[in-house]
Amino acid sequence: MNICLIPARSGSKRIKNKNIKSFFGKPIISYTIKTAINSKLFDKIFVSTDSEKIANISKKNGAEIPFIRPKSISNDHASDKDVIDHFLKYAFKNKINISYLCYIYPINPLIKISTLKKCKSLLINSNCKKVMTVGKYSYPIQRALFEDSNKAIKFREIKNKKKRSQELKTFFHDAGQCYWFNLKKDKKIKNITKAVILKKFEFLDVDTLEDFNNLKKIYKLNLHKS
C-alpha cells in the first residue's frame, strides 16, 4: 500500500493552534490533506495527532485518524522518527502492508501534486531508501558572516572572502515539505537519500506569525505555481 502520514500535534507555543489556524477561511491542515487526496497517489491518508479537535477537523477533510497519539511522543522533544516508528508499529499490528510511506508536514498549502509525483518517481526509479524535498541556500554559506565578541562583523571562512559565487559549491537545506520512504524488503534498495529541488516560492518554513503572513502572500499571489 501507498500511505500518507501527516503529523499534527497540538501545543504550538509560537503560533497558537498552528496546525489548524485559519488560512483563507479553512484550517491550514485541510490544504495538505486535500492535496494528498487529489494526488491519487495514496491508498490511505492518516493524521497522527494528540488532539481530538485536530482529529475531528482532519476527519471532516477526508483523512483517517488511526489513534490519538500518546502525549509522550507529542511534546517539544518528540522527533519525526518517534512519530513514524509509532505509526509503523500500529501498521504492523493491524496488518497494513506498506510499500511506500509519504510523510508530509501539516502546514503545507504550497505543496504541489507534481512535487509529490516527482518524489515518488525518483524514489522508485533510483531504487533508494528515501527522497526528500530541499531548497538551495539563497546565498553561498561559505561566505557567511558572524559577529565576534566585540560586535565586529567577520567572514566565517576568510579564504572565501574574494571568491565569486560561481566558484563555490551549491548547498541545500531541508525544505520541510515531504519525505518519501521505500519500505519494501528488497536487498537491491540502496540505503541512500535523494532529493527533489524546489524553487524559491514553492516552500516556506513557518515558525512565526510573520512567516505565516508571508505564506498567505505567496499563496494568494500564486507565486508557488509559477
N, C-alpha and C. Protein backbone atom coordinates (compact mmCIF):
# COMPACT_ATOMS: atom_id res chain seq x y z
N MET A 1 0.82 -1.21 0.00
CA MET A 1 0.00 0.00 0.00
C MET A 1 0.86 1.26 0.00
N ASN A 2 0.34 2.30 -0.59
CA ASN A 2 0.97 3.61 -0.54
C ASN A 2 0.26 4.42 0.54
N ILE A 3 1.00 4.84 1.54
CA ILE A 3 0.40 5.51 2.69
C ILE A 3 0.95 6.92 2.86
N CYS A 4 0.06 7.85 3.19
CA CYS A 4 0.45 9.22 3.54
C CYS A 4 0.23 9.40 5.04
N LEU A 5 1.24 9.90 5.72
CA LEU A 5 1.15 10.16 7.16
C LEU A 5 1.42 11.65 7.41
N ILE A 6 0.48 12.30 8.06
CA ILE A 6 0.60 13.73 8.38
C ILE A 6 0.65 13.89 9.90
N PRO A 7 1.76 14.40 10.44
CA PRO A 7 1.86 14.59 11.89
C PRO A 7 1.31 15.96 12.28
N ALA A 8 0.44 16.00 13.27
CA ALA A 8 -0.17 17.29 13.64
C ALA A 8 -0.47 17.33 15.13
N ARG A 9 0.54 17.64 15.90
CA ARG A 9 0.31 17.70 17.34
C ARG A 9 -0.25 19.06 17.74
N SER A 10 -0.80 19.12 18.93
CA SER A 10 -1.29 20.38 19.48
C SER A 10 -0.16 21.02 20.29
N GLY A 11 -0.42 22.17 20.86
CA GLY A 11 0.54 22.75 21.79
C GLY A 11 1.63 23.60 21.19
N SER A 12 1.45 24.12 19.98
CA SER A 12 2.46 25.02 19.41
C SER A 12 2.54 26.28 20.27
N LYS A 13 3.75 26.69 20.60
CA LYS A 13 3.93 27.82 21.51
C LYS A 13 4.04 29.17 20.79
N ARG A 14 4.73 29.20 19.65
CA ARG A 14 4.93 30.47 18.97
C ARG A 14 3.70 30.91 18.17
N ILE A 15 2.96 29.94 17.61
CA ILE A 15 1.72 30.25 16.90
C ILE A 15 0.63 29.35 17.49
N LYS A 16 -0.32 29.94 18.18
CA LYS A 16 -1.37 29.15 18.83
C LYS A 16 -2.18 28.36 17.81
N ASN A 17 -2.41 27.09 18.12
CA ASN A 17 -3.17 26.20 17.22
C ASN A 17 -2.64 26.23 15.79
N LYS A 18 -1.34 26.23 15.68
CA LYS A 18 -0.65 26.39 14.40
C LYS A 18 -1.16 25.47 13.30
N ASN A 19 -1.37 24.19 13.60
CA ASN A 19 -1.71 23.22 12.57
C ASN A 19 -3.15 23.32 12.06
N ILE A 20 -3.99 24.06 12.82
CA ILE A 20 -5.38 24.21 12.37
C ILE A 20 -5.76 25.70 12.29
N LYS A 21 -4.77 26.56 12.30
CA LYS A 21 -5.02 28.00 12.21
C LYS A 21 -5.73 28.32 10.89
N SER A 22 -6.65 29.25 10.93
CA SER A 22 -7.41 29.60 9.73
C SER A 22 -6.50 30.18 8.64
N PHE A 23 -6.67 29.65 7.45
CA PHE A 23 -5.88 30.09 6.30
C PHE A 23 -6.87 30.31 5.16
N PHE A 24 -7.21 31.57 4.91
CA PHE A 24 -8.25 31.93 3.94
C PHE A 24 -9.56 31.20 4.23
N GLY A 25 -9.91 31.17 5.52
CA GLY A 25 -11.21 30.62 5.91
C GLY A 25 -11.25 29.12 6.18
N LYS A 26 -10.11 28.43 6.00
CA LYS A 26 -10.09 26.98 6.23
C LYS A 26 -8.93 26.62 7.15
N PRO A 27 -9.08 25.55 7.93
CA PRO A 27 -7.95 25.10 8.75
C PRO A 27 -6.78 24.77 7.84
N ILE A 28 -5.59 25.24 8.18
CA ILE A 28 -4.46 25.11 7.25
C ILE A 28 -4.12 23.65 6.95
N ILE A 29 -4.36 22.75 7.89
CA ILE A 29 -4.06 21.33 7.63
C ILE A 29 -4.93 20.77 6.51
N SER A 30 -6.11 21.37 6.29
CA SER A 30 -7.02 20.86 5.26
C SER A 30 -6.41 20.95 3.87
N TYR A 31 -5.56 21.93 3.64
CA TYR A 31 -4.91 22.08 2.32
C TYR A 31 -3.98 20.90 2.04
N THR A 32 -3.24 20.50 3.06
CA THR A 32 -2.33 19.36 2.89
C THR A 32 -3.09 18.08 2.65
N ILE A 33 -4.17 17.88 3.43
CA ILE A 33 -4.98 16.67 3.27
C ILE A 33 -5.60 16.62 1.88
N LYS A 34 -6.16 17.73 1.42
CA LYS A 34 -6.81 17.76 0.12
C LYS A 34 -5.82 17.52 -1.03
N THR A 35 -4.61 18.07 -0.90
CA THR A 35 -3.61 17.84 -1.94
C THR A 35 -3.23 16.36 -2.00
N ALA A 36 -3.08 15.75 -0.83
CA ALA A 36 -2.76 14.32 -0.77
C ALA A 36 -3.87 13.50 -1.41
N ILE A 37 -5.12 13.85 -1.12
CA ILE A 37 -6.27 13.14 -1.69
C ILE A 37 -6.31 13.33 -3.21
N ASN A 38 -6.17 14.56 -3.65
CA ASN A 38 -6.29 14.87 -5.08
C ASN A 38 -5.13 14.31 -5.91
N SER A 39 -4.03 13.99 -5.25
CA SER A 39 -2.89 13.42 -5.99
C SER A 39 -3.19 12.01 -6.48
N LYS A 40 -4.11 11.33 -5.80
CA LYS A 40 -4.48 9.94 -6.12
C LYS A 40 -3.27 8.99 -6.02
N LEU A 41 -2.32 9.35 -5.18
CA LEU A 41 -1.12 8.53 -5.01
C LEU A 41 -1.23 7.57 -3.84
N PHE A 42 -2.25 7.80 -2.98
CA PHE A 42 -2.29 7.06 -1.72
C PHE A 42 -3.54 6.20 -1.55
N ASP A 43 -3.31 5.03 -0.98
CA ASP A 43 -4.43 4.15 -0.65
C ASP A 43 -5.13 4.64 0.62
N LYS A 44 -4.34 5.18 1.53
CA LYS A 44 -4.89 5.73 2.77
C LYS A 44 -4.09 6.96 3.20
N ILE A 45 -4.81 7.92 3.80
CA ILE A 45 -4.17 9.12 4.31
C ILE A 45 -4.48 9.22 5.80
N PHE A 46 -3.45 9.14 6.62
CA PHE A 46 -3.62 9.17 8.07
C PHE A 46 -3.08 10.47 8.66
N VAL A 47 -3.70 10.92 9.74
CA VAL A 47 -3.17 12.03 10.53
C VAL A 47 -2.86 11.50 11.92
N SER A 48 -1.63 11.71 12.35
CA SER A 48 -1.21 11.30 13.69
C SER A 48 -1.25 12.54 14.59
N THR A 49 -2.16 12.54 15.56
CA THR A 49 -2.33 13.71 16.42
C THR A 49 -2.66 13.31 17.85
N ASP A 50 -2.37 14.22 18.77
CA ASP A 50 -2.71 14.02 20.17
C ASP A 50 -3.96 14.82 20.54
N SER A 51 -4.57 15.45 19.54
CA SER A 51 -5.69 16.37 19.79
C SER A 51 -7.00 15.88 19.16
N GLU A 52 -8.04 15.82 19.97
CA GLU A 52 -9.36 15.42 19.46
C GLU A 52 -9.88 16.47 18.47
N LYS A 53 -9.57 17.74 18.73
CA LYS A 53 -10.02 18.81 17.84
C LYS A 53 -9.38 18.68 16.46
N ILE A 54 -8.05 18.46 16.45
CA ILE A 54 -7.36 18.28 15.17
C ILE A 54 -7.86 17.02 14.48
N ALA A 55 -8.13 15.98 15.28
CA ALA A 55 -8.63 14.71 14.72
C ALA A 55 -9.96 14.93 14.01
N ASN A 56 -10.88 15.66 14.65
CA ASN A 56 -12.20 15.89 14.06
C ASN A 56 -12.11 16.72 12.78
N ILE A 57 -11.27 17.74 12.79
CA ILE A 57 -11.08 18.57 11.58
C ILE A 57 -10.49 17.75 10.45
N SER A 58 -9.52 16.89 10.79
CA SER A 58 -8.87 16.05 9.79
C SER A 58 -9.85 15.05 9.18
N LYS A 59 -10.71 14.47 10.02
CA LYS A 59 -11.72 13.53 9.53
C LYS A 59 -12.67 14.21 8.56
N LYS A 60 -13.11 15.42 8.92
CA LYS A 60 -14.05 16.16 8.06
C LYS A 60 -13.45 16.46 6.68
N ASN A 61 -12.12 16.52 6.63
CA ASN A 61 -11.45 16.83 5.36
C ASN A 61 -10.96 15.59 4.61
N GLY A 62 -11.31 14.41 5.13
CA GLY A 62 -11.06 13.19 4.38
C GLY A 62 -9.93 12.30 4.86
N ALA A 63 -9.28 12.66 5.96
CA ALA A 63 -8.19 11.83 6.48
C ALA A 63 -8.72 10.83 7.50
N GLU A 64 -7.94 9.80 7.73
CA GLU A 64 -8.29 8.80 8.75
C GLU A 64 -7.46 9.07 10.01
N ILE A 65 -8.07 8.84 11.17
CA ILE A 65 -7.39 9.01 12.45
C ILE A 65 -7.27 7.63 13.09
N PRO A 66 -6.12 6.98 12.99
CA PRO A 66 -5.98 5.61 13.48
C PRO A 66 -5.93 5.51 15.00
N PHE A 67 -5.55 6.61 15.65
CA PHE A 67 -5.40 6.62 17.11
C PHE A 67 -5.20 8.07 17.56
N ILE A 68 -5.30 8.29 18.86
CA ILE A 68 -4.88 9.57 19.42
C ILE A 68 -3.47 9.34 19.94
N ARG A 69 -2.53 10.09 19.40
CA ARG A 69 -1.12 9.85 19.70
C ARG A 69 -0.81 10.12 21.18
N PRO A 70 -0.03 9.25 21.80
CA PRO A 70 0.34 9.44 23.21
C PRO A 70 1.06 10.76 23.44
N LYS A 71 0.82 11.37 24.60
CA LYS A 71 1.46 12.64 24.94
C LYS A 71 2.98 12.51 25.01
N SER A 72 3.45 11.31 25.32
CA SER A 72 4.89 11.09 25.46
C SER A 72 5.66 11.32 24.17
N ILE A 73 4.98 11.20 23.03
CA ILE A 73 5.64 11.47 21.75
C ILE A 73 4.93 12.62 21.02
N SER A 74 4.38 13.53 21.82
CA SER A 74 3.70 14.69 21.24
C SER A 74 4.19 16.00 21.86
N ASN A 75 5.31 15.93 22.54
CA ASN A 75 5.84 17.14 23.17
C ASN A 75 6.94 17.77 22.30
N ASP A 76 7.57 18.82 22.82
CA ASP A 76 8.59 19.55 22.06
C ASP A 76 9.83 18.70 21.76
N HIS A 77 10.02 17.64 22.52
CA HIS A 77 11.22 16.82 22.36
C HIS A 77 10.99 15.60 21.46
N ALA A 78 9.74 15.35 21.09
CA ALA A 78 9.44 14.21 20.22
C ALA A 78 9.95 14.47 18.81
N SER A 79 10.56 13.47 18.21
CA SER A 79 11.12 13.61 16.87
C SER A 79 10.18 13.01 15.81
N ASP A 80 10.46 13.33 14.55
CA ASP A 80 9.69 12.72 13.46
C ASP A 80 9.87 11.21 13.48
N LYS A 81 11.06 10.76 13.83
CA LYS A 81 11.32 9.31 13.89
C LYS A 81 10.42 8.66 14.93
N ASP A 82 10.22 9.32 16.07
CA ASP A 82 9.32 8.79 17.11
C ASP A 82 7.91 8.62 16.56
N VAL A 83 7.45 9.63 15.83
CA VAL A 83 6.09 9.60 15.28
C VAL A 83 5.96 8.51 14.22
N ILE A 84 6.95 8.40 13.35
CA ILE A 84 6.91 7.39 12.29
C ILE A 84 6.98 5.98 12.88
N ASP A 85 7.90 5.78 13.83
CA ASP A 85 8.04 4.45 14.45
C ASP A 85 6.75 4.04 15.15
N HIS A 86 6.12 4.99 15.82
CA HIS A 86 4.86 4.70 16.50
C HIS A 86 3.79 4.28 15.49
N PHE A 87 3.73 4.98 14.36
CA PHE A 87 2.75 4.65 13.33
C PHE A 87 3.05 3.29 12.71
N LEU A 88 4.31 3.00 12.45
CA LEU A 88 4.67 1.72 11.82
C LEU A 88 4.34 0.53 12.73
N LYS A 89 4.46 0.73 14.03
CA LYS A 89 4.06 -0.33 14.98
C LYS A 89 2.56 -0.58 14.88
N TYR A 90 1.80 0.52 14.76
CA TYR A 90 0.35 0.39 14.58
C TYR A 90 0.04 -0.34 13.27
N ALA A 91 0.74 0.04 12.19
CA ALA A 91 0.51 -0.58 10.88
C ALA A 91 0.82 -2.07 10.91
N PHE A 92 1.92 -2.43 11.56
CA PHE A 92 2.31 -3.85 11.65
C PHE A 92 1.26 -4.63 12.43
N LYS A 93 0.83 -4.07 13.56
CA LYS A 93 -0.15 -4.73 14.41
C LYS A 93 -1.48 -4.92 13.68
N ASN A 94 -1.83 -3.96 12.82
CA ASN A 94 -3.11 -4.02 12.11
C ASN A 94 -2.98 -4.55 10.68
N LYS A 95 -1.83 -5.16 10.40
CA LYS A 95 -1.58 -5.82 9.12
C LYS A 95 -1.76 -4.89 7.92
N ILE A 96 -1.25 -3.67 8.08
CA ILE A 96 -1.24 -2.73 6.95
C ILE A 96 0.13 -2.85 6.30
N ASN A 97 0.16 -3.46 5.14
CA ASN A 97 1.41 -3.71 4.44
C ASN A 97 1.80 -2.48 3.61
N ILE A 98 2.84 -1.77 4.04
CA ILE A 98 3.22 -0.51 3.40
C ILE A 98 4.42 -0.70 2.47
N SER A 99 4.26 -0.30 1.23
CA SER A 99 5.38 -0.30 0.28
C SER A 99 6.08 1.04 0.30
N TYR A 100 5.27 2.11 0.19
CA TYR A 100 5.83 3.46 0.19
C TYR A 100 5.09 4.33 1.20
N LEU A 101 5.85 5.03 2.02
CA LEU A 101 5.27 5.92 3.03
C LEU A 101 5.69 7.35 2.72
N CYS A 102 4.72 8.24 2.65
CA CYS A 102 5.00 9.66 2.43
C CYS A 102 4.62 10.43 3.70
N TYR A 103 5.58 11.11 4.26
CA TYR A 103 5.41 11.86 5.50
C TYR A 103 5.36 13.34 5.13
N ILE A 104 4.21 13.97 5.33
CA ILE A 104 4.02 15.36 4.92
C ILE A 104 3.69 16.22 6.13
N TYR A 105 4.40 17.31 6.29
CA TYR A 105 4.10 18.23 7.38
C TYR A 105 2.75 18.90 7.13
N PRO A 106 2.00 19.21 8.21
CA PRO A 106 0.63 19.71 8.06
C PRO A 106 0.49 21.12 7.49
N ILE A 107 1.48 21.99 7.74
CA ILE A 107 1.39 23.36 7.22
C ILE A 107 2.07 23.40 5.86
N ASN A 108 1.32 22.99 4.84
CA ASN A 108 1.89 22.84 3.51
C ASN A 108 0.93 23.24 2.39
N PRO A 109 0.32 24.42 2.48
CA PRO A 109 -0.60 24.81 1.39
C PRO A 109 0.12 25.03 0.06
N LEU A 110 1.45 25.15 0.11
CA LEU A 110 2.22 25.37 -1.13
C LEU A 110 2.60 24.07 -1.83
N ILE A 111 2.42 22.94 -1.14
CA ILE A 111 2.85 21.67 -1.75
C ILE A 111 2.01 21.37 -2.99
N LYS A 112 2.68 20.90 -4.03
CA LYS A 112 2.01 20.63 -5.30
C LYS A 112 1.95 19.13 -5.57
N ILE A 113 0.91 18.73 -6.27
CA ILE A 113 0.77 17.32 -6.65
C ILE A 113 1.97 16.89 -7.49
N SER A 114 2.43 17.78 -8.35
CA SER A 114 3.58 17.46 -9.20
C SER A 114 4.83 17.17 -8.36
N THR A 115 4.97 17.85 -7.23
CA THR A 115 6.11 17.60 -6.34
C THR A 115 6.00 16.21 -5.73
N LEU A 116 4.83 15.86 -5.26
CA LEU A 116 4.62 14.53 -4.68
C LEU A 116 4.93 13.44 -5.70
N LYS A 117 4.51 13.67 -6.94
CA LYS A 117 4.74 12.68 -8.01
C LYS A 117 6.22 12.58 -8.37
N LYS A 118 6.91 13.73 -8.41
CA LYS A 118 8.34 13.72 -8.71
C LYS A 118 9.11 12.93 -7.64
N CYS A 119 8.73 13.16 -6.39
CA CYS A 119 9.41 12.47 -5.29
C CYS A 119 9.20 10.96 -5.36
N LYS A 120 7.98 10.56 -5.61
CA LYS A 120 7.71 9.12 -5.68
C LYS A 120 8.42 8.49 -6.87
N SER A 121 8.41 9.16 -8.00
CA SER A 121 9.08 8.65 -9.19
C SER A 121 10.57 8.49 -8.95
N LEU A 122 11.18 9.49 -8.30
CA LEU A 122 12.61 9.41 -8.00
C LEU A 122 12.91 8.28 -7.04
N LEU A 123 12.04 8.09 -6.06
CA LEU A 123 12.22 7.02 -5.07
C LEU A 123 12.22 5.65 -5.75
N ILE A 124 11.29 5.46 -6.67
CA ILE A 124 11.16 4.16 -7.33
C ILE A 124 12.27 3.95 -8.36
N ASN A 125 12.50 4.94 -9.20
CA ASN A 125 13.45 4.78 -10.30
C ASN A 125 14.91 4.79 -9.85
N SER A 126 15.18 5.43 -8.71
CA SER A 126 16.55 5.45 -8.19
C SER A 126 16.83 4.27 -7.28
N ASN A 127 15.76 3.56 -6.94
CA ASN A 127 15.89 2.39 -6.08
C ASN A 127 16.60 2.76 -4.77
N CYS A 128 16.26 3.93 -4.23
CA CYS A 128 16.88 4.38 -2.98
C CYS A 128 15.90 4.21 -1.82
N LYS A 129 16.38 4.50 -0.63
CA LYS A 129 15.59 4.29 0.58
C LYS A 129 14.69 5.48 0.91
N LYS A 130 15.15 6.69 0.58
CA LYS A 130 14.42 7.88 0.99
C LYS A 130 14.59 9.01 -0.03
N VAL A 131 13.51 9.80 -0.21
CA VAL A 131 13.57 11.00 -1.04
C VAL A 131 12.95 12.13 -0.23
N MET A 132 13.61 13.29 -0.24
CA MET A 132 13.10 14.45 0.47
C MET A 132 13.11 15.68 -0.43
N THR A 133 12.43 16.72 -0.01
CA THR A 133 12.44 17.98 -0.76
C THR A 133 13.46 18.92 -0.13
N VAL A 134 14.21 19.62 -0.97
CA VAL A 134 15.21 20.56 -0.48
C VAL A 134 15.13 21.87 -1.26
N GLY A 135 15.74 22.91 -0.70
CA GLY A 135 15.85 24.18 -1.38
C GLY A 135 17.29 24.65 -1.36
N LYS A 136 17.68 25.43 -2.34
CA LYS A 136 19.04 25.97 -2.38
C LYS A 136 19.17 27.12 -1.39
N TYR A 137 20.32 27.21 -0.72
CA TYR A 137 20.59 28.40 0.08
C TYR A 137 20.66 29.59 -0.88
N SER A 138 19.99 30.67 -0.53
CA SER A 138 19.92 31.83 -1.43
C SER A 138 21.25 32.56 -1.54
N TYR A 139 22.16 32.31 -0.60
CA TYR A 139 23.47 32.95 -0.62
C TYR A 139 24.51 31.91 -0.23
N PRO A 140 25.68 31.88 -0.86
CA PRO A 140 26.69 30.86 -0.54
C PRO A 140 27.04 30.84 0.96
N ILE A 141 26.84 29.70 1.60
CA ILE A 141 27.10 29.62 3.04
C ILE A 141 28.59 29.71 3.35
N GLN A 142 29.44 29.47 2.33
CA GLN A 142 30.89 29.58 2.53
C GLN A 142 31.31 31.04 2.77
N ARG A 143 30.43 31.98 2.42
CA ARG A 143 30.74 33.40 2.62
C ARG A 143 29.93 33.98 3.78
N ALA A 144 29.55 33.11 4.71
CA ALA A 144 28.77 33.54 5.87
C ALA A 144 29.58 34.48 6.77
N LEU A 145 28.87 35.38 7.40
CA LEU A 145 29.49 36.33 8.33
C LEU A 145 29.06 36.01 9.76
N PHE A 146 29.85 36.44 10.72
CA PHE A 146 29.46 36.29 12.11
C PHE A 146 29.89 37.51 12.90
N GLU A 147 29.31 37.67 14.07
CA GLU A 147 29.61 38.80 14.94
C GLU A 147 30.49 38.31 16.09
N ASP A 148 31.68 38.88 16.23
CA ASP A 148 32.57 38.43 17.30
C ASP A 148 32.23 39.09 18.63
N SER A 149 33.03 38.84 19.64
CA SER A 149 32.75 39.35 20.99
C SER A 149 32.76 40.87 21.08
N ASN A 150 33.39 41.52 20.11
CA ASN A 150 33.42 42.99 20.06
C ASN A 150 32.36 43.57 19.14
N LYS A 151 31.45 42.71 18.71
CA LYS A 151 30.37 43.12 17.81
C LYS A 151 30.88 43.48 16.41
N ALA A 152 32.07 43.02 16.08
CA ALA A 152 32.62 43.26 14.75
C ALA A 152 32.16 42.14 13.81
N ILE A 153 31.83 42.49 12.58
CA ILE A 153 31.39 41.51 11.60
C ILE A 153 32.60 40.97 10.85
N LYS A 154 32.69 39.63 10.79
CA LYS A 154 33.82 38.99 10.14
C LYS A 154 33.35 37.83 9.27
N PHE A 155 34.19 37.46 8.30
CA PHE A 155 33.92 36.28 7.48
C PHE A 155 34.19 35.03 8.32
N ARG A 156 33.26 34.08 8.25
CA ARG A 156 33.45 32.82 8.97
C ARG A 156 34.61 32.03 8.35
N GLU A 157 34.69 32.09 7.02
CA GLU A 157 35.78 31.41 6.30
C GLU A 157 36.50 32.47 5.46
N ILE A 158 37.54 33.04 6.01
CA ILE A 158 38.25 34.16 5.37
C ILE A 158 38.80 33.80 4.00
N LYS A 159 39.09 32.50 3.78
CA LYS A 159 39.64 32.06 2.49
C LYS A 159 38.66 32.27 1.34
N ASN A 160 37.36 32.38 1.67
CA ASN A 160 36.35 32.55 0.62
C ASN A 160 35.93 34.01 0.43
N LYS A 161 36.62 34.93 1.10
CA LYS A 161 36.25 36.34 1.06
C LYS A 161 36.21 36.91 -0.36
N LYS A 162 37.18 36.54 -1.19
CA LYS A 162 37.27 37.11 -2.53
C LYS A 162 36.76 36.18 -3.63
N LYS A 163 36.23 35.03 -3.22
CA LYS A 163 35.74 34.08 -4.23
C LYS A 163 34.37 34.49 -4.73
N ARG A 164 34.12 34.23 -6.00
CA ARG A 164 32.83 34.51 -6.59
C ARG A 164 31.87 33.36 -6.29
N SER A 165 30.57 33.65 -6.33
CA SER A 165 29.57 32.62 -6.05
C SER A 165 29.71 31.42 -6.97
N GLN A 166 30.08 31.69 -8.24
CA GLN A 166 30.20 30.61 -9.23
C GLN A 166 31.31 29.62 -8.88
N GLU A 167 32.26 30.06 -8.08
CA GLU A 167 33.39 29.20 -7.72
C GLU A 167 33.09 28.29 -6.53
N LEU A 168 31.98 28.54 -5.88
CA LEU A 168 31.67 27.81 -4.65
C LEU A 168 30.60 26.73 -4.88
N LYS A 169 30.73 25.66 -4.13
CA LYS A 169 29.79 24.55 -4.23
C LYS A 169 28.40 24.98 -3.76
N THR A 170 27.37 24.47 -4.43
CA THR A 170 25.99 24.76 -4.03
C THR A 170 25.58 23.88 -2.87
N PHE A 171 25.00 24.49 -1.86
CA PHE A 171 24.50 23.74 -0.72
C PHE A 171 22.98 23.87 -0.63
N PHE A 172 22.37 22.87 -0.01
CA PHE A 172 20.91 22.83 0.11
C PHE A 172 20.49 22.69 1.57
N HIS A 173 19.22 23.03 1.82
CA HIS A 173 18.66 22.80 3.16
C HIS A 173 17.31 22.10 3.02
N ASP A 174 16.89 21.47 4.08
CA ASP A 174 15.62 20.77 4.11
C ASP A 174 14.50 21.76 3.85
N ALA A 175 13.63 21.46 2.90
CA ALA A 175 12.51 22.34 2.58
C ALA A 175 11.32 22.11 3.51
N GLY A 176 11.39 21.05 4.32
CA GLY A 176 10.32 20.79 5.28
C GLY A 176 8.97 20.55 4.66
N GLN A 177 8.94 19.86 3.52
CA GLN A 177 7.68 19.67 2.84
C GLN A 177 7.21 18.22 2.89
N CYS A 178 7.95 17.32 2.23
CA CYS A 178 7.55 15.92 2.28
C CYS A 178 8.77 15.00 2.23
N TYR A 179 8.57 13.80 2.74
CA TYR A 179 9.63 12.79 2.80
C TYR A 179 9.00 11.45 2.39
N TRP A 180 9.58 10.83 1.39
CA TRP A 180 9.10 9.53 0.92
C TRP A 180 10.06 8.44 1.37
N PHE A 181 9.51 7.32 1.84
CA PHE A 181 10.32 6.19 2.30
C PHE A 181 9.93 4.93 1.54
N ASN A 182 10.94 4.22 1.06
CA ASN A 182 10.73 2.92 0.43
C ASN A 182 10.84 1.86 1.51
N LEU A 183 9.73 1.23 1.85
CA LEU A 183 9.71 0.26 2.95
C LEU A 183 9.69 -1.19 2.46
N LYS A 184 9.92 -1.36 1.16
CA LYS A 184 9.96 -2.72 0.62
C LYS A 184 11.21 -3.45 1.13
N LYS A 185 11.04 -4.71 1.44
CA LYS A 185 12.17 -5.52 1.90
C LYS A 185 12.88 -6.11 0.68
N ASP A 186 13.70 -5.28 0.09
CA ASP A 186 14.40 -5.65 -1.14
C ASP A 186 15.86 -5.29 -0.97
N LYS A 187 16.73 -6.26 -1.11
CA LYS A 187 18.17 -6.04 -0.92
C LYS A 187 18.77 -5.11 -1.98
N LYS A 188 18.05 -4.92 -3.08
CA LYS A 188 18.56 -4.06 -4.15
C LYS A 188 18.38 -2.57 -3.82
N ILE A 189 17.55 -2.28 -2.84
CA ILE A 189 17.30 -0.89 -2.48
C ILE A 189 18.52 -0.32 -1.77
N LYS A 190 19.05 0.76 -2.31
CA LYS A 190 20.24 1.38 -1.72
C LYS A 190 19.85 2.24 -0.52
N ASN A 191 20.60 2.13 0.56
CA ASN A 191 20.29 2.89 1.77
C ASN A 191 20.85 4.32 1.66
N ILE A 192 20.32 5.05 0.69
CA ILE A 192 20.75 6.44 0.47
C ILE A 192 19.53 7.34 0.35
N THR A 193 19.76 8.64 0.50
CA THR A 193 18.70 9.63 0.37
C THR A 193 18.94 10.48 -0.87
N LYS A 194 17.90 10.69 -1.67
CA LYS A 194 17.98 11.58 -2.82
C LYS A 194 16.98 12.72 -2.62
N ALA A 195 17.04 13.73 -3.48
CA ALA A 195 16.20 14.90 -3.25
C ALA A 195 15.61 15.50 -4.52
N VAL A 196 14.44 16.09 -4.35
CA VAL A 196 13.81 16.91 -5.37
C VAL A 196 14.04 18.36 -4.94
N ILE A 197 14.63 19.15 -5.83
CA ILE A 197 14.97 20.54 -5.50
C ILE A 197 13.80 21.46 -5.84
N LEU A 198 13.34 22.20 -4.84
CA LEU A 198 12.21 23.11 -5.03
C LEU A 198 12.69 24.52 -5.35
N LYS A 199 11.83 25.26 -6.02
CA LYS A 199 12.12 26.66 -6.32
C LYS A 199 11.82 27.54 -5.11
N LYS A 200 12.23 28.79 -5.18
CA LYS A 200 12.17 29.72 -4.06
C LYS A 200 10.79 29.82 -3.40
N PHE A 201 9.73 29.98 -4.17
CA PHE A 201 8.42 30.21 -3.58
C PHE A 201 7.57 28.94 -3.47
N GLU A 202 8.17 27.78 -3.67
CA GLU A 202 7.43 26.53 -3.57
C GLU A 202 7.37 26.00 -2.14
N PHE A 203 8.06 26.66 -1.24
CA PHE A 203 8.05 26.20 0.16
C PHE A 203 8.36 27.37 1.07
N LEU A 204 7.97 27.23 2.33
CA LEU A 204 8.30 28.23 3.34
C LEU A 204 8.17 27.59 4.72
N ASP A 205 9.21 27.69 5.52
CA ASP A 205 9.18 27.17 6.88
C ASP A 205 8.44 28.18 7.76
N VAL A 206 7.39 27.73 8.44
CA VAL A 206 6.56 28.63 9.23
C VAL A 206 6.81 28.42 10.72
N ASP A 207 7.48 29.38 11.33
CA ASP A 207 7.76 29.33 12.77
C ASP A 207 7.15 30.50 13.53
N THR A 208 6.92 31.61 12.85
CA THR A 208 6.41 32.81 13.50
C THR A 208 5.18 33.34 12.77
N LEU A 209 4.50 34.30 13.38
CA LEU A 209 3.34 34.92 12.72
C LEU A 209 3.76 35.66 11.45
N GLU A 210 4.98 36.20 11.46
CA GLU A 210 5.49 36.86 10.26
C GLU A 210 5.62 35.84 9.12
N ASP A 211 6.13 34.65 9.44
CA ASP A 211 6.23 33.59 8.44
C ASP A 211 4.84 33.23 7.92
N PHE A 212 3.88 33.14 8.84
CA PHE A 212 2.51 32.77 8.46
C PHE A 212 1.91 33.80 7.51
N ASN A 213 2.13 35.07 7.80
CA ASN A 213 1.61 36.13 6.93
C ASN A 213 2.31 36.14 5.57
N ASN A 214 3.60 35.82 5.55
CA ASN A 214 4.32 35.72 4.27
C ASN A 214 3.79 34.54 3.45
N LEU A 215 3.44 33.46 4.15
CA LEU A 215 2.87 32.29 3.49
C LEU A 215 1.56 32.66 2.79
N LYS A 216 0.75 33.46 3.45
CA LYS A 216 -0.52 33.89 2.86
C LYS A 216 -0.29 34.71 1.59
N LYS A 217 0.74 35.57 1.60
CA LYS A 217 1.04 36.40 0.44
C LYS A 217 1.48 35.53 -0.75
N ILE A 218 2.35 34.57 -0.47
CA ILE A 218 2.84 33.69 -1.53
C ILE A 218 1.69 32.89 -2.14
N TYR A 219 0.82 32.38 -1.26
CA TYR A 219 -0.31 31.57 -1.72
C TYR A 219 -1.31 32.42 -2.52
N LYS A 220 -1.63 33.59 -2.00
CA LYS A 220 -2.62 34.46 -2.65
C LYS A 220 -2.15 34.88 -4.04
N LEU A 221 -0.88 35.15 -4.19
CA LEU A 221 -0.34 35.59 -5.48
C LEU A 221 0.04 34.43 -6.40
N ASN A 222 -0.19 33.21 -5.92
CA ASN A 222 0.14 32.01 -6.70
C ASN A 222 1.60 31.95 -7.09
N LEU A 223 2.48 32.52 -6.26
CA LEU A 223 3.90 32.53 -6.58
C LEU A 223 4.48 31.12 -6.59
N HIS A 224 3.87 30.23 -5.79
CA HIS A 224 4.37 28.85 -5.71
C HIS A 224 4.07 28.03 -6.96
N LYS A 225 3.18 28.54 -7.80
CA LYS A 225 2.80 27.80 -9.01
C LYS A 225 3.50 28.33 -10.26
N SER A 226 4.29 29.37 -10.10
CA SER A 226 4.94 29.97 -11.27
C SER A 226 6.15 29.16 -11.71
